[in-house]
Protein backbone atom coordinates (compact mmCIF):
# COMPACT_ATOMS: atom_id res chain seq x y z
CA UNK A 1 36.75 24.08 65.19
CA UNK A 2 38.33 26.79 67.00
CA UNK A 3 42.01 27.47 68.08
CA UNK A 4 43.00 26.27 71.76
CA UNK A 5 41.04 23.01 71.62
CA UNK A 6 37.68 24.50 71.36
CA UNK A 7 34.80 23.40 69.12
CA UNK A 8 31.48 25.60 68.59
CA UNK A 9 28.41 24.35 67.22
CA UNK A 10 24.58 25.17 66.82
CA UNK A 11 22.02 22.75 68.13
CA UNK A 12 18.57 22.09 66.59
CA UNK A 13 17.05 25.15 68.36
CA UNK A 14 19.82 27.29 67.00
CA UNK A 15 21.53 27.61 70.23
CA UNK A 16 25.13 28.06 70.05
CA UNK A 17 27.61 25.90 72.37
CA UNK A 18 31.18 25.72 73.00
CA UNK A 19 33.27 22.67 74.06
CA UNK A 20 36.68 22.88 75.19
CA UNK A 21 38.73 19.81 75.05
CA UNK A 22 41.80 18.60 77.27
CA UNK A 23 44.15 18.21 74.13
CA UNK A 24 44.32 18.83 70.47
CA UNK A 25 43.98 14.96 69.95
CA UNK A 26 40.75 14.87 71.83
CA UNK A 27 39.41 17.89 69.88
CA UNK A 28 40.25 15.97 66.52
CA UNK A 29 38.96 12.64 67.39
CA UNK A 30 35.81 14.26 68.50
CA UNK A 31 35.58 16.22 65.29
CA UNK A 32 36.12 12.87 63.31
CA UNK A 33 33.31 11.32 65.13
CA UNK A 34 31.02 14.11 64.06
CA UNK A 35 31.93 13.83 60.52
CA UNK A 36 31.36 10.13 60.67
CA UNK A 37 27.91 10.74 62.36
CA UNK A 38 27.11 13.07 59.53
CA UNK A 39 27.82 10.56 57.05
CA UNK A 40 25.99 7.67 58.74
CA UNK A 41 22.66 10.02 59.24
CA UNK A 42 22.66 10.94 55.56
CA UNK A 43 20.18 8.94 53.57
CA UNK A 44 22.42 9.27 50.52
CA UNK A 45 26.03 10.37 50.19
CA UNK A 46 26.25 12.11 47.09
CA UNK A 47 28.89 14.60 47.86
CA UNK A 48 32.00 15.16 49.67
CA UNK A 49 31.64 15.54 53.61
CA UNK A 50 34.43 17.28 55.15
CA UNK A 51 35.29 18.43 58.76
CA UNK A 52 37.96 20.83 59.79
CA UNK A 53 40.35 19.24 62.54
CA UNK A 54 42.79 22.06 62.60
CA UNK A 55 42.11 25.48 60.95
CA UNK A 56 45.81 26.38 59.82
CA UNK A 57 47.01 29.97 58.94
CA UNK A 58 46.87 32.30 56.04
CA UNK A 59 44.95 32.50 52.93
CA UNK A 60 42.53 29.55 51.97
CA UNK A 61 43.74 27.57 48.94
CA UNK A 62 41.81 27.63 45.62
CA UNK A 63 42.03 26.21 42.13
CA UNK A 64 45.53 26.59 40.68
CA UNK A 65 47.36 26.56 43.93
CA UNK A 66 50.05 23.98 44.39
CA UNK A 67 50.09 22.01 47.72
CA UNK A 68 52.37 19.54 49.44
CA UNK A 69 50.05 17.34 51.74
CA UNK A 70 50.58 14.39 54.10
CA UNK A 71 47.44 12.15 54.09
CA UNK A 72 46.09 8.60 55.25
CA UNK A 73 43.20 7.02 53.36
CA UNK A 74 40.77 4.30 54.84
CA UNK A 75 38.11 2.47 53.35
CA UNK A 76 34.57 3.37 55.08
CA UNK A 77 33.09 0.13 55.99
CA UNK A 78 30.55 -0.79 58.59
CA UNK A 79 29.77 2.75 59.20
CA UNK A 80 33.04 3.60 60.41
CA UNK A 81 36.89 3.35 59.51
CA UNK A 82 38.11 0.32 57.88
CA UNK A 83 41.46 -0.53 56.78
CA UNK A 84 43.99 1.94 55.75
CA UNK A 85 44.59 1.55 51.81
CA UNK A 86 47.28 4.41 51.40
CA UNK A 87 49.33 6.81 53.35
CA UNK A 88 52.42 8.87 52.96
CA UNK A 89 52.60 9.90 56.61
CA UNK A 90 55.67 7.85 57.59
CA UNK A 91 57.24 8.37 54.19
CA UNK A 92 59.92 10.80 53.18
CA UNK A 93 57.96 12.36 50.27
CA UNK A 94 54.87 14.47 50.69
CA UNK A 95 52.23 14.25 47.84
CA UNK A 96 52.57 17.27 45.63
CA UNK A 97 49.42 18.41 43.79
CA UNK A 98 47.97 21.32 41.99
CA UNK A 99 44.34 21.97 42.77
CA UNK A 100 42.15 21.78 39.59
CA UNK A 101 44.67 19.90 37.59
CA UNK A 102 42.40 16.79 37.77
CA UNK A 103 45.56 14.61 38.76
CA UNK A 104 43.84 13.43 41.97
CA UNK A 105 40.37 12.24 42.43
CA UNK A 106 37.49 14.74 42.22
CA UNK A 107 36.74 14.30 46.05
CA UNK A 108 40.13 15.85 47.04
CA UNK A 109 39.73 18.71 44.35
CA UNK A 110 36.52 19.61 46.06
CA UNK A 111 37.42 18.79 49.67
CA UNK A 112 40.63 20.63 49.93
CA UNK A 113 39.26 23.97 48.64
CA UNK A 114 39.62 26.49 51.49
CA UNK A 115 42.17 24.70 53.50
CA UNK A 116 45.04 26.79 54.89
CA UNK A 117 48.77 26.05 55.35
CA UNK A 118 49.11 23.68 58.56
CA UNK A 119 45.50 22.97 58.37
CA UNK A 120 43.95 19.27 58.68
CA UNK A 121 40.85 18.00 57.35
CA UNK A 122 38.84 14.84 57.45
CA UNK A 123 37.19 14.03 54.23
CA UNK A 124 34.38 11.25 53.46
CA UNK A 125 34.18 10.75 49.72
CA UNK A 126 31.45 8.89 47.96
CA UNK A 127 32.44 6.28 45.23
CA UNK A 128 31.28 8.73 42.34
CA UNK A 129 33.79 11.20 43.70
CA UNK A 130 36.58 8.72 44.28
CA UNK A 131 37.37 5.56 42.22
CA UNK A 132 33.78 4.68 41.23
CA UNK A 133 32.67 1.24 39.80
CA UNK A 134 36.27 0.45 38.86
CA UNK A 135 37.97 0.94 42.18
CA UNK A 136 41.73 0.21 42.40
CA UNK A 137 42.84 -3.32 41.81
CA UNK A 138 44.08 -5.01 45.15
CA UNK A 139 43.52 -1.97 47.03
CA UNK A 140 40.01 -0.19 46.84
CA UNK A 141 37.06 -2.42 46.05
CA UNK A 142 34.56 -1.02 43.50
CA UNK A 143 32.14 1.43 44.72
CA UNK A 144 34.01 2.19 47.93
CA UNK A 145 33.40 5.18 50.04
CA UNK A 146 36.72 6.65 51.30
CA UNK A 147 37.90 8.61 54.32
CA UNK A 148 41.00 10.72 54.16
CA UNK A 149 42.96 12.60 56.77
CA UNK A 150 44.72 15.42 55.07
CA UNK A 151 47.26 17.94 56.52
CA UNK A 152 48.37 20.82 54.13
CA UNK A 153 52.12 21.28 55.03
CA UNK A 154 53.20 23.68 52.13
CA UNK A 155 51.29 25.93 49.83
CA UNK A 156 52.39 27.89 46.72
CA UNK A 157 49.53 30.29 45.86
CA UNK A 158 48.97 31.35 42.23
CA UNK A 159 50.03 34.95 42.29
CA UNK A 160 48.41 37.65 40.18
CA UNK A 161 50.65 39.96 38.37
CA UNK A 162 50.29 42.64 35.50
CA UNK A 163 51.38 41.80 32.00
CA UNK A 164 53.41 44.13 29.93
CA UNK A 165 50.17 45.63 28.55
CA UNK A 166 48.85 46.38 32.02
CA UNK A 167 46.32 43.68 32.04
CA UNK A 168 46.15 41.38 34.95
CA UNK A 169 47.64 37.87 34.02
CA UNK A 170 47.34 34.84 36.14
CA UNK A 171 49.99 32.17 35.94
CA UNK A 172 47.42 29.37 35.61
CA UNK A 173 46.47 31.16 32.27
CA UNK A 174 50.05 31.07 31.00
CA UNK A 175 50.52 29.05 27.61
CA UNK A 176 54.07 28.16 28.76
CA UNK A 177 54.01 24.54 30.55
CA UNK A 178 54.80 24.91 34.27
CA UNK A 179 57.90 23.21 35.51
CA UNK A 180 57.76 20.38 37.96
CA UNK A 181 57.23 22.13 41.27
CA UNK A 182 60.30 21.83 43.54
CA UNK A 183 60.71 22.64 47.21
CA UNK A 184 62.35 26.10 46.28
CA UNK A 185 58.80 27.24 44.99
CA UNK A 186 57.24 26.63 48.40
CA UNK A 187 57.43 28.85 51.50
CA UNK A 188 59.80 27.35 54.05
CA UNK A 189 58.10 28.70 57.09
């Protein structure tokens, strides 16, 4: 995915191609279909597949960074999108999470690494990286592959700072419990 509705790729002969789409929506729809095709062509889905839809700006997120995200989750059924099982897109609250804290499914932890503020990504997550054999009663059947479209709306990066002894200290190593993140801690732009 490139800026201004472009996508680039290599074919089987390692030849570089570039496609320009008429709209951002057309470019995103194409990218989603590419990700679904990758999933359907792999004999066994044993890791998270992801496809950027919009790159975003700034530094890529990593473990310890706090994010606010909008998302929609579908069941992967009959080689494509099934029913929506969860979404916060039309709700007032974004999902707040800290990457690496283990509070979200493993597939999100893995699939969101490197995303940037304003970025959108399509994730296809196998059962072992999602809810596994137990599923979620009434919403996610056991052994379900899941598809998410996630958009990073706000980012609070872990900042490196020097301690009083001159040694570098990361806030994620701090013994003090971190407060519940509030919107004041996130960049407003």
